[in-house]
Protein backbone atom coordinates (compact mmCIF):
# COMPACT_ATOMS: atom_id res chain seq x y z
CA MET A 1 -25.95 -31.56 -11.94
CA VAL A 2 -25.77 -28.12 -13.55
CA VAL A 3 -24.84 -24.99 -11.63
CA LEU A 4 -24.76 -21.43 -12.95
CA LEU A 5 -21.93 -19.24 -11.71
CA LEU A 6 -22.02 -15.51 -12.29
CA ARG A 7 -18.70 -13.88 -13.06
CA SER A 8 -19.59 -10.27 -12.33
CA SER A 9 -16.41 -8.86 -13.84
CA LEU A 10 -17.21 -10.45 -17.20
CA LYS A 11 -20.99 -10.25 -16.91
CA VAL A 12 -21.41 -13.73 -18.36
CA LYS A 13 -22.66 -16.88 -16.78
CA ASP A 14 -20.68 -20.07 -16.79
CA ILE A 15 -22.39 -23.41 -16.62
CA MET A 16 -20.64 -25.87 -14.33
CA LYS A 17 -21.31 -29.48 -15.32
CA LEU A 18 -20.24 -32.59 -13.48
CA ILE A 19 -17.81 -34.62 -15.61
CA GLY A 20 -17.76 -37.59 -13.29
CA HIS A 21 -15.63 -39.35 -10.71
CA ASP A 22 -12.33 -41.19 -10.71
CA SER A 23 -11.80 -43.16 -13.97
CA ASP A 24 -14.67 -41.30 -15.68
CA ILE A 25 -12.63 -38.09 -15.48
CA ILE A 26 -9.44 -39.70 -16.73
CA ASN A 27 -11.32 -41.04 -19.76
CA TYR A 28 -13.08 -37.68 -20.34
CA LEU A 29 -9.96 -35.50 -20.44
CA VAL A 30 -8.80 -36.34 -23.97
CA ASP A 31 -8.56 -34.56 -27.32
CA ASP A 32 -9.53 -30.87 -26.94
CA LEU A 33 -10.21 -31.41 -23.23
CA THR A 34 -6.72 -32.69 -22.43
CA LEU A 35 -4.81 -31.24 -19.51
CA LEU A 36 -1.69 -31.03 -21.69
CA ASN A 37 -0.66 -27.39 -22.16
CA ALA A 38 -3.36 -26.31 -19.70
CA VAL A 39 -2.53 -23.61 -17.15
CA ILE A 40 -3.31 -23.92 -13.45
CA LYS A 41 -5.58 -20.94 -12.65
CA ASN A 42 -6.47 -21.81 -9.07
CA PHE A 43 -5.05 -24.19 -6.46
CA LYS A 44 -6.67 -24.51 -3.05
CA LYS A 45 -6.06 -26.81 -0.09
CA HIS A 46 -9.07 -27.18 2.19
CA VAL A 47 -11.09 -29.65 4.26
CA VAL A 48 -14.36 -31.17 2.99
CA ASP A 49 -16.40 -33.46 5.24
CA GLY A 50 -13.42 -33.69 7.57
CA LEU A 51 -11.05 -34.92 4.83
CA PRO A 52 -8.05 -33.09 3.33
CA THR A 53 -8.99 -31.87 -0.15
CA ILE A 54 -7.26 -30.05 -3.01
CA SER A 55 -9.17 -28.21 -5.73
CA ILE A 56 -7.43 -27.21 -8.96
CA ILE A 57 -8.92 -25.18 -11.81
CA PHE A 58 -7.23 -25.64 -15.17
CA GLU A 59 -7.54 -23.25 -18.11
CA LEU A 60 -7.57 -25.67 -21.04
CA ALA A 61 -5.39 -24.91 -24.05
CA TYR A 62 -7.56 -26.17 -26.89
CA THR A 63 -11.03 -25.01 -25.89
CA GLU A 64 -12.65 -22.08 -24.08
CA ALA A 65 -13.73 -24.32 -21.19
CA ASP A 66 -12.07 -24.59 -17.78
CA VAL A 67 -11.94 -27.79 -15.73
CA MET A 68 -11.99 -28.09 -11.95
CA LEU A 69 -10.71 -31.26 -10.32
CA ILE A 70 -11.44 -31.86 -6.65
CA PHE A 71 -9.06 -34.38 -5.11
CA LYS A 72 -10.65 -35.75 -1.94
CA ASN A 73 -9.14 -37.66 0.97
CA VAL A 74 -5.63 -36.54 0.01
CA PHE A 75 -2.97 -38.92 1.33
CA THR A 76 0.02 -37.09 -0.17
CA ASN A 77 0.37 -33.59 -1.60
CA GLY A 78 3.59 -33.34 -3.59
CA PHE A 79 3.01 -29.73 -4.69
CA THR A 80 5.25 -27.17 -3.04
CA GLY A 81 3.77 -23.72 -2.70
CA ASN A 82 0.85 -22.56 -4.80
CA PRO A 83 1.29 -23.34 -8.53
CA ALA A 84 -1.50 -20.90 -9.42
CA GLY A 85 0.74 -18.06 -8.22
CA ASP A 86 2.99 -18.55 -11.23
CA LEU A 87 2.18 -19.28 -14.85
CA TYR A 88 2.20 -23.07 -14.36
CA GLN A 89 1.66 -24.87 -17.65
CA ILE A 90 1.18 -28.64 -17.78
CA ASP A 91 3.72 -29.91 -20.33
CA SER A 92 3.24 -33.54 -19.35
CA CYS A 93 1.16 -35.34 -16.76
CA LYS A 94 0.20 -38.68 -15.28
CA PHE A 95 -3.36 -39.41 -14.20
CA TYR A 96 -4.04 -42.94 -12.94
CA HIS A 97 -6.76 -44.83 -11.09
CA ILE A 98 -4.82 -47.50 -9.24
CA GLY A 99 -6.89 -49.82 -7.07
CA SER A 100 -8.79 -47.61 -4.66
CA LYS A 101 -6.53 -44.57 -5.17
CA ILE A 102 -6.13 -41.76 -7.68
CA TYR A 103 -2.69 -40.48 -8.70
CA PHE A 104 -2.05 -37.23 -10.56
CA SER A 105 1.33 -35.68 -11.38
CA ALA A 106 1.67 -32.35 -13.21
CA ASP A 107 5.45 -32.79 -13.55
CA PRO A 108 6.12 -36.50 -13.99
CA ASP A 109 9.38 -38.37 -14.38
CA GLU A 110 9.69 -38.94 -18.12
CA SER A 111 12.78 -41.09 -18.01
CA GLU A 112 12.58 -44.59 -19.43
CA ASP A 113 12.33 -46.02 -15.91
CA GLY A 114 9.74 -43.52 -14.66
CA ALA A 115 7.52 -42.98 -17.69
CA ASP A 116 5.03 -45.72 -16.85
CA GLY A 117 3.46 -45.78 -13.41
CA ILE A 118 4.29 -43.88 -10.26
CA SER A 119 7.93 -42.83 -9.91
CA GLU A 120 9.74 -41.47 -6.87
CA ASP A 121 11.06 -38.81 -9.28
CA ASP A 122 7.57 -37.48 -10.13
CA ASN A 123 7.05 -33.90 -8.98
CA ASP A 124 3.93 -31.86 -8.22
CA PHE A 125 1.68 -34.83 -7.53
CA ILE A 126 -1.39 -35.80 -5.54
CA LEU A 127 -2.28 -39.24 -4.20
CA CYS A 128 -5.86 -39.38 -2.96
CA GLY A 129 -8.89 -41.56 -2.36
CA SER A 130 -11.12 -40.04 -5.05
CA VAL A 131 -11.47 -37.20 -7.52
CA GLU A 132 -14.47 -35.50 -9.03
CA GLY A 133 -14.41 -33.17 -11.98
CA TYR A 134 -16.43 -30.28 -13.34
CA ILE A 135 -16.27 -28.40 -16.62
CA PHE A 136 -17.11 -24.70 -16.87
CA GLU A 137 -18.58 -23.70 -20.21
CA GLU A 138 -19.85 -20.29 -21.18
CA GLY A 139 -23.61 -20.15 -21.09
CA THR A 140 -26.15 -17.65 -22.28
CA GLY A 141 -27.74 -17.21 -18.86
CA GLU A 142 -31.28 -16.05 -18.27
C-alpha cells in the first residue's frame, strides 16, 4: 500500500509505505530506522473500529524518514499527558511481541532486574493487541 500525502507548507509529497504488523515492525526498526534517539512528533488517542487506538509519529534520528506506529486495541496506556507537546526523545525503549500482545515502552526500567521483559517500573508504555507501522519518505510527486 502506498499513499501520497501533500504537505502544503513544504510543497513536497511524502510517500507513506506500510512497514508491516506486529513482529514485522519490531524487526524492521533497526540500524538507521531505529527508534533510539527519535523524537515523538505526534501522539494521538482515538477510536478505530470501536477499539481504543494510539497513533505515534516518530522523527527518526539517523534518516530523513518519519515512522508512524498505530497501536490498536489498547489495553493499557502508560503515557501521561501528550509527549508530542514537549521535545520527547527516545533514549531507550522496549518493543516486544509477547504471545498475542504488543508491548512498547519509551522510558523503560533499565535496572538489572527490569532490563529484560516487562517491568512494573517501565514508564510511558503501551500494551495492545496489535500494531501496524508506516514509513514516510520524501517523494518526487507528480
